Amino acid sequence: MTSAAERLAANMNIGMLARAGELKKRLLFVLGALVVYRIGTYIPIPGVDPLILNQIFQQQQGGVLGVFNMFSGGALGRMTIFALAVMPYISASIIMQLLSVTVPSLQQLKKEGEAGRRKINQYTRYGTVVLSLAQSYGIAVGLEGMQAPAGGSAVLEPGVFFRFSTMVTLTGGTLFLMWLGEQITQRGIGQGISLIIFTGIVAELPGAVAATMELGRENVIPTAVLLLVLAIALGLMALIVFVERAQRRILIQYPKRQMGNRLVQGESQHLPLKLNTAGVIPPIFASSILLFPLTIANFNEGGGPEWLQLVSTYIAHGQPLYIALYVAIIIFFCFFYTSVVFNPDDTADNLKKNGGFIAGIRPGKNTADYLDYVLTRLTAVGAIYLALVCTLPELLIAKYAIPFYLGGTSLLILVNVLMDFIGQVQSHLFAHQYEGLIKQAKLRGSGKQRQPRMR
């Protein structure tokens, strides 16, 4: 019976999807945009020898470059026009969110609604351009200094023209991805930047699994370790689904109210507070912050200043200092992003204006303090959960050179983005279903009104 009911529900969803014309257009737009993104990850920048670059990257892929390559969907390893991916945009967003809390003028812009949000987004775009130019220049200089083990430079004709063309190409690629992500958010379904990162990880995941199996076949990785990695990956996915759906529901009560000539009975509602309010933002922000200095350090390894070599040694991927900084940044952004998304004072004021209250808590400041207390405890648990999910698999990855695509950060991004995407598709389907029911009700109502006239 259960399987029959599930098949019936699936058939109904497919039928609804076939009738939802706008939803199909949105899905096709998302698919086309992601195809364009994947094509761009195979267009190389001019002036680079791909064979020598591949040899160099194979030697350094176990470090921070491998993490960067994961977020770029393999574009960095091929040194294509999307090699920087959306990491400069994410870094600029971090800077603007930090400034919007500390700078009074930006705080005022946040309170101006849509106009202020557009202004802040414009500043974020300017910051993206500046960071992209800085990172692309560092990559260009680093490429000129790279030498293959057998000899030969990764750059065919080093010089000012190569640096300029690389800066323009990589910066243009990042700005195009930023624009593409905004278009997906507005005209498609889901959050555009997250879907771009999701697509890059999914596209490279089969190759990572195949490479891991090959290492096991060659006895580089013990079979027991492979089974342990598989068990950890499945367990992490189950844990992520469970925690991301976990909520603390606070009971909100509304008293009896007089509306016009009638008395409205009191009602009760729930204020849902997620266990992990920040979602995948803290791990992405943490990776972006650590990748910015470490990318420069890795590209200048062997030929750069001594302090850069020291940074590359002590903050390399899998090292204790890297893990400690990664955990600290994740915990910081869990609390910071939660405070940006949910303001207990504003929520308490809105409840007070609408007559709502929490049983046993006085409206106003006491309600705000109670919400802040509950949210702080939830955020602490969520931060510990994110830190464990993102760092525990990294220890195995660093020890046995397992591809980063099987790590906790990538699995967290995959599961969260997929759950959000499916939820938005279902919302569109339900909205389309309700519109159909309303139209049918109007047609039936108009038909009943015309019957007496026909008689």
Protein backbone atom coordinates (compact mmCIF):
# COMPACT_ATOMS: atom_id res chain seq x y z
CA MET A 1 0.00 0.00 0.00
CA THR A 2 2.78 2.38 0.89
CA SER A 3 4.66 1.86 -2.35
CA ALA A 4 1.45 2.32 -4.34
CA ALA A 5 0.73 5.58 -2.51
CA GLU A 6 4.29 6.80 -3.13
CA ARG A 7 4.02 5.98 -6.84
CA LEU A 8 0.69 7.80 -7.02
CA ALA A 9 2.17 10.87 -5.31
CA ALA A 10 5.18 10.78 -7.63
CA ASN A 11 2.92 10.54 -10.68
CA MET A 12 0.86 13.47 -9.40
CA ASN A 13 4.03 15.55 -8.95
CA ILE A 14 5.17 14.67 -12.47
CA GLY A 15 1.75 15.60 -13.82
CA MET A 16 1.80 18.90 -11.94
CA LEU A 17 5.30 19.59 -13.25
CA ALA A 18 4.14 18.93 -16.82
CA ARG A 19 1.32 21.47 -16.41
CA ALA A 20 3.40 24.13 -14.63
CA GLY A 21 4.66 26.12 -17.60
CA GLU A 22 6.45 28.83 -15.61
CA LEU A 23 8.23 26.27 -13.45
CA LYS A 24 9.47 24.43 -16.54
CA LYS A 25 10.83 27.67 -17.95
CA ARG A 26 12.65 28.37 -14.70
CA LEU A 27 14.14 24.88 -14.58
CA LEU A 28 15.26 25.07 -18.21
CA PHE A 29 16.86 28.46 -17.53
CA VAL A 30 18.78 27.05 -14.56
CA LEU A 31 19.90 24.07 -16.65
CA GLY A 32 21.05 26.28 -19.52
CA ALA A 33 22.93 28.64 -17.20
CA LEU A 34 24.74 25.77 -15.49
CA VAL A 35 25.67 24.27 -18.87
CA VAL A 36 27.20 27.62 -19.85
CA TYR A 37 29.15 27.59 -16.58
CA ARG A 38 30.49 24.08 -17.20
CA ILE A 39 31.54 24.99 -20.74
CA GLY A 40 33.49 27.95 -19.36
CA THR A 41 35.44 25.67 -16.99
CA TYR A 42 37.09 24.11 -20.08
CA ILE A 43 38.11 27.33 -21.88
CA PRO A 44 41.79 27.94 -20.94
CA ILE A 45 43.33 31.35 -20.42
CA PRO A 46 45.78 32.39 -23.17
CA GLY A 47 49.52 31.85 -22.86
CA VAL A 48 49.56 28.77 -20.59
CA ASP A 49 51.00 25.35 -21.45
CA PRO A 50 48.29 22.90 -20.27
CA LEU A 51 50.59 19.84 -20.14
CA ILE A 52 53.20 21.45 -17.90
CA LEU A 53 50.49 23.04 -15.78
CA ASN A 54 48.88 19.64 -15.26
CA GLN A 55 52.21 18.16 -14.09
CA ILE A 56 52.68 21.00 -11.59
CA PHE A 57 49.13 20.77 -10.32
CA GLN A 58 49.36 17.02 -9.77
CA GLN A 59 52.19 17.67 -7.33
CA GLN A 60 50.32 20.35 -5.36
CA GLN A 61 46.71 19.12 -5.53
CA GLY A 62 46.93 17.58 -2.05
CA GLY A 63 47.27 21.05 -0.55
CA VAL A 64 45.18 24.17 -0.52
CA LEU A 65 45.09 24.28 -4.32
CA GLY A 66 43.02 21.10 -4.24
CA VAL A 67 40.46 22.83 -2.01
CA PHE A 68 40.37 25.84 -4.31
CA ASN A 69 40.00 23.52 -7.30
CA MET A 70 37.00 21.88 -5.63
CA PHE A 71 35.14 25.20 -5.28
CA SER A 72 36.00 26.15 -8.87
CA GLY A 73 34.66 22.87 -10.28
CA GLY A 74 38.06 21.82 -11.63
CA ALA A 75 38.59 25.15 -13.42
CA LEU A 76 41.74 25.99 -11.44
CA GLY A 77 43.44 22.71 -12.33
CA ARG A 78 42.81 23.43 -16.01
CA MET A 79 43.54 27.17 -15.48
CA THR A 80 40.46 28.30 -17.38
CA ILE A 81 38.59 31.59 -17.50
CA PHE A 82 36.59 30.56 -14.40
CA ALA A 83 39.65 29.61 -12.34
CA LEU A 84 38.80 32.14 -9.61
CA ALA A 85 35.19 30.90 -9.56
CA VAL A 86 32.96 32.91 -7.18
CA MET A 87 35.43 33.04 -4.29
CA PRO A 88 36.24 36.78 -4.74
CA TYR A 89 32.51 37.54 -4.66
CA ILE A 90 32.11 35.52 -1.47
CA SER A 91 35.09 37.30 0.10
CA ALA A 92 33.62 40.69 -0.86
CA SER A 93 30.28 39.66 0.65
CA ILE A 94 32.04 38.74 3.90
CA ILE A 95 33.77 42.13 4.05
CA MET A 96 30.52 44.01 3.36
CA GLN A 97 28.60 42.07 6.02
CA LEU A 98 31.32 42.79 8.57
CA LEU A 99 31.37 46.47 7.62
CA SER A 100 27.57 46.72 7.69
CA VAL A 101 27.70 45.85 11.39
CA THR A 102 30.54 48.25 12.32
CA VAL A 103 30.13 51.24 9.94
CA PRO A 104 27.17 53.53 10.85
CA SER A 105 26.51 54.66 7.25
CA LEU A 106 26.20 51.05 6.09
CA GLN A 107 23.97 50.27 9.06
CA GLN A 108 21.69 53.06 7.91
CA LEU A 109 21.65 51.66 4.38
CA LYS A 110 20.48 48.27 5.72
CA LYS A 111 17.48 49.98 7.33
CA GLU A 112 16.42 51.69 4.08
CA GLY A 113 14.90 48.51 2.66
CA GLU A 114 15.23 47.60 -1.01
CA ALA A 115 17.08 50.78 -2.00
CA GLY A 116 19.69 50.27 0.70
CA ARG A 117 20.10 46.59 -0.21
CA ARG A 118 20.78 47.52 -3.84
CA LYS A 119 23.40 50.05 -2.77
CA ILE A 120 25.15 47.46 -0.58
CA ASN A 121 25.06 44.95 -3.45
CA GLN A 122 26.67 47.56 -5.68
CA TYR A 123 29.49 48.05 -3.16
CA THR A 124 29.89 44.26 -3.03
CA ARG A 125 30.35 44.17 -6.81
CA TYR A 126 33.02 46.87 -6.61
CA GLY A 127 34.79 44.86 -3.92
CA THR A 128 34.58 41.76 -6.11
CA VAL A 129 36.38 43.58 -8.92
CA VAL A 130 39.17 44.74 -6.60
CA LEU A 131 39.69 41.29 -5.06
CA SER A 132 39.54 39.58 -8.47
CA LEU A 133 42.22 41.88 -9.86
CA ALA A 134 44.45 41.26 -6.84
CA GLN A 135 44.05 37.48 -6.91
CA SER A 136 44.40 37.24 -10.69
CA TYR A 137 47.63 39.26 -10.56
CA GLY A 138 48.97 36.89 -7.89
CA ILE A 139 48.04 33.90 -10.04
CA ALA A 140 49.71 35.43 -13.10
CA VAL A 141 52.96 36.09 -11.22
CA GLY A 142 52.81 32.64 -9.64
CA LEU A 143 52.30 30.95 -13.02
CA GLU A 144 55.37 32.69 -14.42
CA GLY A 145 57.47 31.24 -11.59
CA MET A 146 56.17 27.67 -11.92
CA GLN A 147 58.52 25.04 -13.32
CA ALA A 148 57.66 21.43 -14.17
CA PRO A 149 59.73 18.64 -12.54
CA ALA A 150 61.25 17.76 -15.92
CA GLY A 151 61.87 21.40 -16.79
CA GLY A 152 59.84 23.90 -18.74
CA SER A 153 57.77 26.90 -17.69
CA ALA A 154 53.99 26.84 -17.38
CA VAL A 155 53.80 30.18 -19.23
CA LEU A 156 54.76 30.29 -22.90
CA GLU A 157 55.67 34.00 -23.05
CA PRO A 158 56.02 35.60 -19.58
CA GLY A 159 55.80 39.34 -19.33
CA VAL A 160 53.55 42.34 -18.80
CA PHE A 161 51.13 41.35 -21.57
CA PHE A 162 50.57 37.89 -20.05
CA ARG A 163 49.89 39.39 -16.63
CA PHE A 164 47.48 41.94 -18.06
CA SER A 165 45.60 39.40 -20.18
CA THR A 166 45.36 36.98 -17.23
CA MET A 167 44.00 39.69 -14.94
CA VAL A 168 41.39 40.76 -17.48
CA THR A 169 40.38 37.19 -18.31
CA LEU A 170 40.07 35.88 -14.75
CA THR A 171 38.36 39.04 -13.46
CA GLY A 172 35.91 38.94 -16.36
CA GLY A 173 35.20 35.27 -15.65
CA THR A 174 34.42 35.98 -11.99
CA LEU A 175 32.16 38.92 -12.86
CA PHE A 176 30.33 36.78 -15.42
CA LEU A 177 29.74 34.07 -12.81
CA MET A 178 28.52 36.69 -10.34
CA TRP A 179 26.05 37.98 -12.94
CA LEU A 180 25.05 34.44 -13.89
CA GLY A 181 24.35 33.59 -10.25
CA GLU A 182 22.14 36.66 -9.89
CA GLN A 183 20.22 35.70 -13.04
CA ILE A 184 19.65 32.18 -11.72
CA THR A 185 18.31 33.60 -8.44
CA GLN A 186 15.95 36.02 -10.19
CA ARG A 187 14.81 34.05 -13.25
CA GLY A 188 15.40 30.48 -12.13
CA ILE A 189 15.00 28.49 -8.92
CA GLY A 190 17.31 28.41 -5.93
CA GLN A 191 20.24 30.54 -4.86
CA GLY A 192 22.43 31.09 -7.91
CA ILE A 193 25.88 31.23 -6.31
CA SER A 194 25.18 28.10 -4.25
CA LEU A 195 23.97 26.23 -7.35
CA ILE A 196 27.15 27.17 -9.22
CA ILE A 197 29.32 25.78 -6.41
CA PHE A 198 27.04 22.72 -6.18
CA THR A 199 27.36 22.05 -9.92
CA GLY A 200 31.14 22.29 -9.81
CA ILE A 201 31.38 19.76 -6.98
CA VAL A 202 28.89 17.35 -8.59
CA ALA A 203 30.66 17.50 -11.95
CA GLU A 204 34.00 16.54 -10.41
CA LEU A 205 32.61 14.01 -7.91
CA PRO A 206 32.59 10.94 -10.25
CA GLY A 207 36.24 11.51 -11.12
CA ALA A 208 37.13 11.85 -7.45
CA VAL A 209 35.36 8.58 -6.61
CA ALA A 210 37.12 6.83 -9.50
CA ALA A 211 40.50 8.20 -8.39
CA THR A 212 39.84 6.98 -4.84
CA MET A 213 38.92 3.51 -6.08
CA GLU A 214 42.10 3.43 -8.18
CA LEU A 215 44.19 4.30 -5.13
CA GLY A 216 42.52 1.43 -3.31
CA ARG A 217 43.19 -0.95 -6.19
CA GLU A 218 46.86 -0.01 -6.15
CA ASN A 219 46.96 -0.57 -2.34
CA VAL A 220 47.91 3.05 -1.76
CA ILE A 221 44.86 3.34 0.50
CA PRO A 222 43.96 0.27 2.61
CA THR A 223 40.60 -1.34 1.93
CA ALA A 224 39.54 -0.78 5.54
CA VAL A 225 40.15 2.96 5.11
CA LEU A 226 38.04 3.03 1.93
CA LEU A 227 35.17 1.31 3.72
CA LEU A 228 35.58 3.72 6.63
CA VAL A 229 35.44 6.72 4.28
CA LEU A 230 32.27 5.34 2.64
CA ALA A 231 30.65 4.75 6.04
CA ILE A 232 31.62 8.23 7.23
CA ALA A 233 30.23 9.82 4.04
CA LEU A 234 26.88 8.01 4.39
CA GLY A 235 26.71 8.79 8.10
CA LEU A 236 27.50 12.46 7.48
CA MET A 237 24.76 12.76 4.86
CA ALA A 238 22.21 11.24 7.25
CA LEU A 239 23.41 13.54 10.05
CA ILE A 240 23.26 16.62 7.81
CA VAL A 241 19.68 15.87 6.71
CA PHE A 242 18.62 15.28 10.33
CA VAL A 243 20.23 18.42 11.75
CA GLU A 244 19.24 20.73 8.89
CA ARG A 245 15.59 19.80 9.42
CA ALA A 246 15.80 20.16 13.20
CA GLN A 247 13.88 23.09 14.69
CA ARG A 248 13.09 24.54 18.08
CA ARG A 249 9.47 25.67 17.95
CA ILE A 250 8.55 28.42 20.40
CA LEU A 251 4.82 28.64 21.16
CA ILE A 252 3.40 32.11 20.43
CA GLN A 253 -0.07 32.87 21.81
CA TYR A 254 -2.46 35.60 20.67
CA PRO A 255 -5.32 36.79 22.93
CA LYS A 256 -8.91 37.41 21.89
CA ARG A 257 -9.23 40.49 19.71
CA GLN A 258 -12.09 42.72 18.65
CA MET A 259 -12.13 43.17 14.87
CA GLY A 260 -15.05 45.32 13.81
CA ASN A 261 -18.30 43.93 15.14
CA ARG A 262 -16.99 40.43 15.82
CA LEU A 263 -14.75 38.92 18.45
CA VAL A 264 -11.83 36.88 17.09
CA GLN A 265 -10.86 33.93 19.28
CA GLY A 266 -7.31 33.65 20.53
CA GLU A 267 -4.96 31.40 18.59
CA SER A 268 -1.55 29.80 18.97
CA GLN A 269 1.31 29.69 16.48
CA HIS A 270 4.88 28.45 16.50
CA LEU A 271 8.02 30.47 15.88
CA PRO A 272 10.48 27.98 14.31
CA LEU A 273 14.18 28.46 15.08
CA LYS A 274 16.53 26.24 13.08
CA LEU A 275 19.33 24.44 14.82
CA ASN A 276 21.71 25.54 12.06
CA THR A 277 20.47 28.98 11.04
CA ALA A 278 23.63 29.85 9.12
CA GLY A 279 23.46 26.83 6.77
CA VAL A 280 26.52 26.37 4.53
CA ILE A 281 27.64 30.00 4.80
CA PRO A 282 30.25 29.56 7.61
CA PRO A 283 32.26 26.74 5.91
CA ILE A 284 32.26 28.61 2.58
CA PHE A 285 33.30 31.85 4.26
CA ALA A 286 36.01 30.05 6.26
CA SER A 287 37.40 28.38 3.13
CA SER A 288 37.37 31.68 1.25
CA ILE A 289 39.26 33.50 4.01
CA LEU A 290 41.91 30.78 4.33
CA LEU A 291 42.29 30.36 0.58
CA PHE A 292 43.10 34.00 -0.08
CA PRO A 293 46.53 34.15 1.67
CA LEU A 294 47.34 30.47 1.13
CA THR A 295 46.86 30.69 -2.62
CA ILE A 296 49.55 33.36 -2.82
CA ALA A 297 51.79 31.32 -0.52
CA ASN A 298 51.45 28.17 -2.63
CA PHE A 299 52.03 29.91 -5.93
CA ASN A 300 55.22 31.50 -4.62
CA GLU A 301 56.47 28.39 -2.84
CA GLY A 302 60.20 27.92 -3.33
CA GLY A 303 60.72 31.32 -4.93
CA GLY A 304 58.90 33.71 -2.62
CA PRO A 305 59.86 35.42 0.60
CA GLU A 306 60.71 33.36 3.65
CA TRP A 307 57.59 34.41 5.55
CA LEU A 308 55.41 33.11 2.69
CA GLN A 309 57.13 29.74 2.87
CA LEU A 310 56.58 29.73 6.64
CA VAL A 311 52.85 30.45 6.15
CA SER A 312 52.63 27.70 3.55
CA THR A 313 54.24 25.22 5.95
CA TYR A 314 52.29 25.92 9.13
CA ILE A 315 48.89 26.70 7.58
CA ALA A 316 48.91 23.95 4.97
CA HIS A 317 45.79 21.89 4.51
CA GLY A 318 45.45 19.25 7.22
CA GLN A 319 47.95 20.88 9.57
CA PRO A 320 46.87 21.52 13.19
CA LEU A 321 47.00 25.31 12.78
CA TYR A 322 44.88 25.12 9.61
CA ILE A 323 42.28 22.95 11.39
CA ALA A 324 42.25 25.30 14.40
CA LEU A 325 41.77 28.40 12.26
CA TYR A 326 39.13 26.63 10.17
CA VAL A 327 37.12 25.69 13.27
CA ALA A 328 37.50 29.15 14.82
CA ILE A 329 36.29 30.92 11.66
CA ILE A 330 33.34 28.53 11.26
CA ILE A 331 32.22 29.13 14.86
CA PHE A 332 32.64 32.89 14.49
CA PHE A 333 30.56 33.08 11.32
CA CYS A 334 27.89 30.80 12.77
CA PHE A 335 27.19 33.40 15.47
CA PHE A 336 27.82 36.39 13.21
CA TYR A 337 25.58 35.25 10.35
CA THR A 338 22.82 34.18 12.76
CA SER A 339 22.86 37.64 14.35
CA VAL A 340 22.54 39.18 10.88
CA VAL A 341 19.66 36.93 9.79
CA PHE A 342 17.65 36.91 13.05
CA ASN A 343 17.29 39.95 15.31
CA PRO A 344 15.60 39.09 18.66
CA ASP A 345 14.76 42.76 19.40
CA ASP A 346 12.92 43.25 16.09
CA THR A 347 11.09 39.94 16.52
CA ALA A 348 10.01 40.85 20.05
CA ASP A 349 8.77 44.28 18.88
CA ASN A 350 6.74 42.71 16.06
CA LEU A 351 5.16 40.24 18.45
CA LYS A 352 4.29 43.04 20.85
CA LYS A 353 2.69 45.13 18.09
CA ASN A 354 0.55 42.18 16.97
CA GLY A 355 -0.44 41.23 20.49
CA GLY A 356 1.55 37.99 20.55
CA PHE A 357 3.41 36.74 23.60
CA ILE A 358 5.31 33.74 24.91
CA ALA A 359 3.67 32.02 27.88
CA GLY A 360 5.42 33.03 31.09
CA ILE A 361 7.52 35.76 29.40
CA ARG A 362 6.61 39.44 29.51
CA PRO A 363 6.45 41.23 26.12
CA GLY A 364 9.22 43.57 25.07
CA LYS A 365 12.73 43.32 26.44
CA ASN A 366 12.10 40.10 28.39
CA THR A 367 10.88 38.38 25.21
CA ALA A 368 13.94 39.61 23.30
CA ASP A 369 16.26 38.33 26.04
CA TYR A 370 14.52 34.95 26.04
CA LEU A 371 14.75 34.62 22.24
CA ASP A 372 18.41 35.64 22.36
CA TYR A 373 19.07 33.03 25.08
CA VAL A 374 17.38 30.24 23.11
CA LEU A 375 19.04 31.27 19.84
CA THR A 376 22.49 31.43 21.45
CA ARG A 377 22.19 27.87 22.73
CA LEU A 378 20.93 26.62 19.36
CA THR A 379 23.74 28.42 17.53
CA ALA A 380 26.34 26.93 19.87
CA VAL A 381 25.10 23.42 19.08
CA GLY A 382 24.92 24.25 15.37
CA ALA A 383 28.46 25.64 15.37
CA ILE A 384 29.82 22.49 17.03
CA TYR A 385 27.94 20.38 14.49
CA LEU A 386 29.37 22.33 11.54
CA ALA A 387 32.89 22.23 12.96
CA LEU A 388 32.76 18.46 13.45
CA VAL A 389 31.21 17.76 10.03
CA CYS A 390 33.74 19.92 8.20
CA THR A 391 36.92 18.95 10.07
CA LEU A 392 36.73 15.28 11.11
CA PRO A 393 36.82 13.91 7.52
CA GLU A 394 39.67 16.31 6.74
CA LEU A 395 41.99 14.31 8.99
CA LEU A 396 41.54 11.16 6.86
CA ILE A 397 41.75 13.20 3.67
CA ALA A 398 45.04 14.79 4.70
CA LYS A 399 46.56 11.50 5.88
CA TYR A 400 45.63 9.28 2.92
CA ALA A 401 45.41 11.91 0.13
CA ILE A 402 41.71 11.22 -0.49
CA PRO A 403 40.07 13.75 -2.88
CA PHE A 404 38.45 16.73 -1.18
CA TYR A 405 35.11 16.03 -2.89
CA LEU A 406 34.48 13.28 -0.33
CA GLY A 407 35.07 15.63 2.62
CA GLY A 408 32.55 17.06 5.05
CA THR A 409 32.46 20.55 3.53
CA SER A 410 31.56 19.30 0.05
CA LEU A 411 28.93 16.89 1.42
CA LEU A 412 27.44 19.68 3.53
CA ILE A 413 27.16 21.94 0.49
CA LEU A 414 25.70 19.19 -1.68
CA VAL A 415 23.00 18.12 0.81
CA ASN A 416 22.01 21.67 1.84
CA VAL A 417 21.78 23.07 -1.68
CA LEU A 418 19.87 20.02 -2.92
CA MET A 419 17.38 20.22 -0.02
CA ASP A 420 16.85 23.94 -0.62
CA PHE A 421 16.39 23.41 -4.37
CA ILE A 422 13.86 20.60 -3.90
CA GLY A 423 11.98 22.68 -1.32
CA GLN A 424 11.66 25.61 -3.72
CA VAL A 425 10.48 23.34 -6.55
CA GLN A 426 7.80 21.90 -4.28
CA SER A 427 6.74 25.41 -3.27
CA HIS A 428 6.26 26.35 -6.92
CA LEU A 429 4.28 23.16 -7.52
CA PHE A 430 2.00 23.82 -4.55
CA ALA A 431 1.49 27.43 -5.63
CA HIS A 432 0.56 26.26 -9.13
CA GLN A 433 -1.85 23.71 -7.65
CA TYR A 434 -3.55 26.37 -5.50
CA GLU A 435 -3.89 28.68 -8.50
CA GLY A 436 -5.59 25.87 -10.41
CA LEU A 437 -8.02 25.23 -7.54
CA ILE A 438 -8.87 28.93 -7.29
CA LYS A 439 -9.55 29.13 -11.04
CA GLN A 440 -11.78 26.06 -10.86
CA ALA A 441 -13.69 27.56 -7.93
CA LYS A 442 -14.23 30.82 -9.84
CA LEU A 443 -15.47 28.95 -12.91
CA ARG A 444 -17.92 26.90 -10.85
CA GLY A 445 -19.12 30.00 -9.04
CA SER A 446 -19.72 31.90 -12.29
CA GLY A 447 -21.52 28.86 -13.74
CA LYS A 448 -23.91 28.74 -10.80
CA GLN A 449 -24.65 32.43 -11.21
CA ARG A 450 -25.48 32.03 -14.91
CA GLN A 451 -27.92 29.16 -14.39
CA PRO A 452 -30.87 31.30 -13.19
CA ARG A 453 -30.39 33.64 -16.15
CA MET A 454 -30.57 30.74 -18.60
CA ARG A 455 -33.89 29.64 -17.12
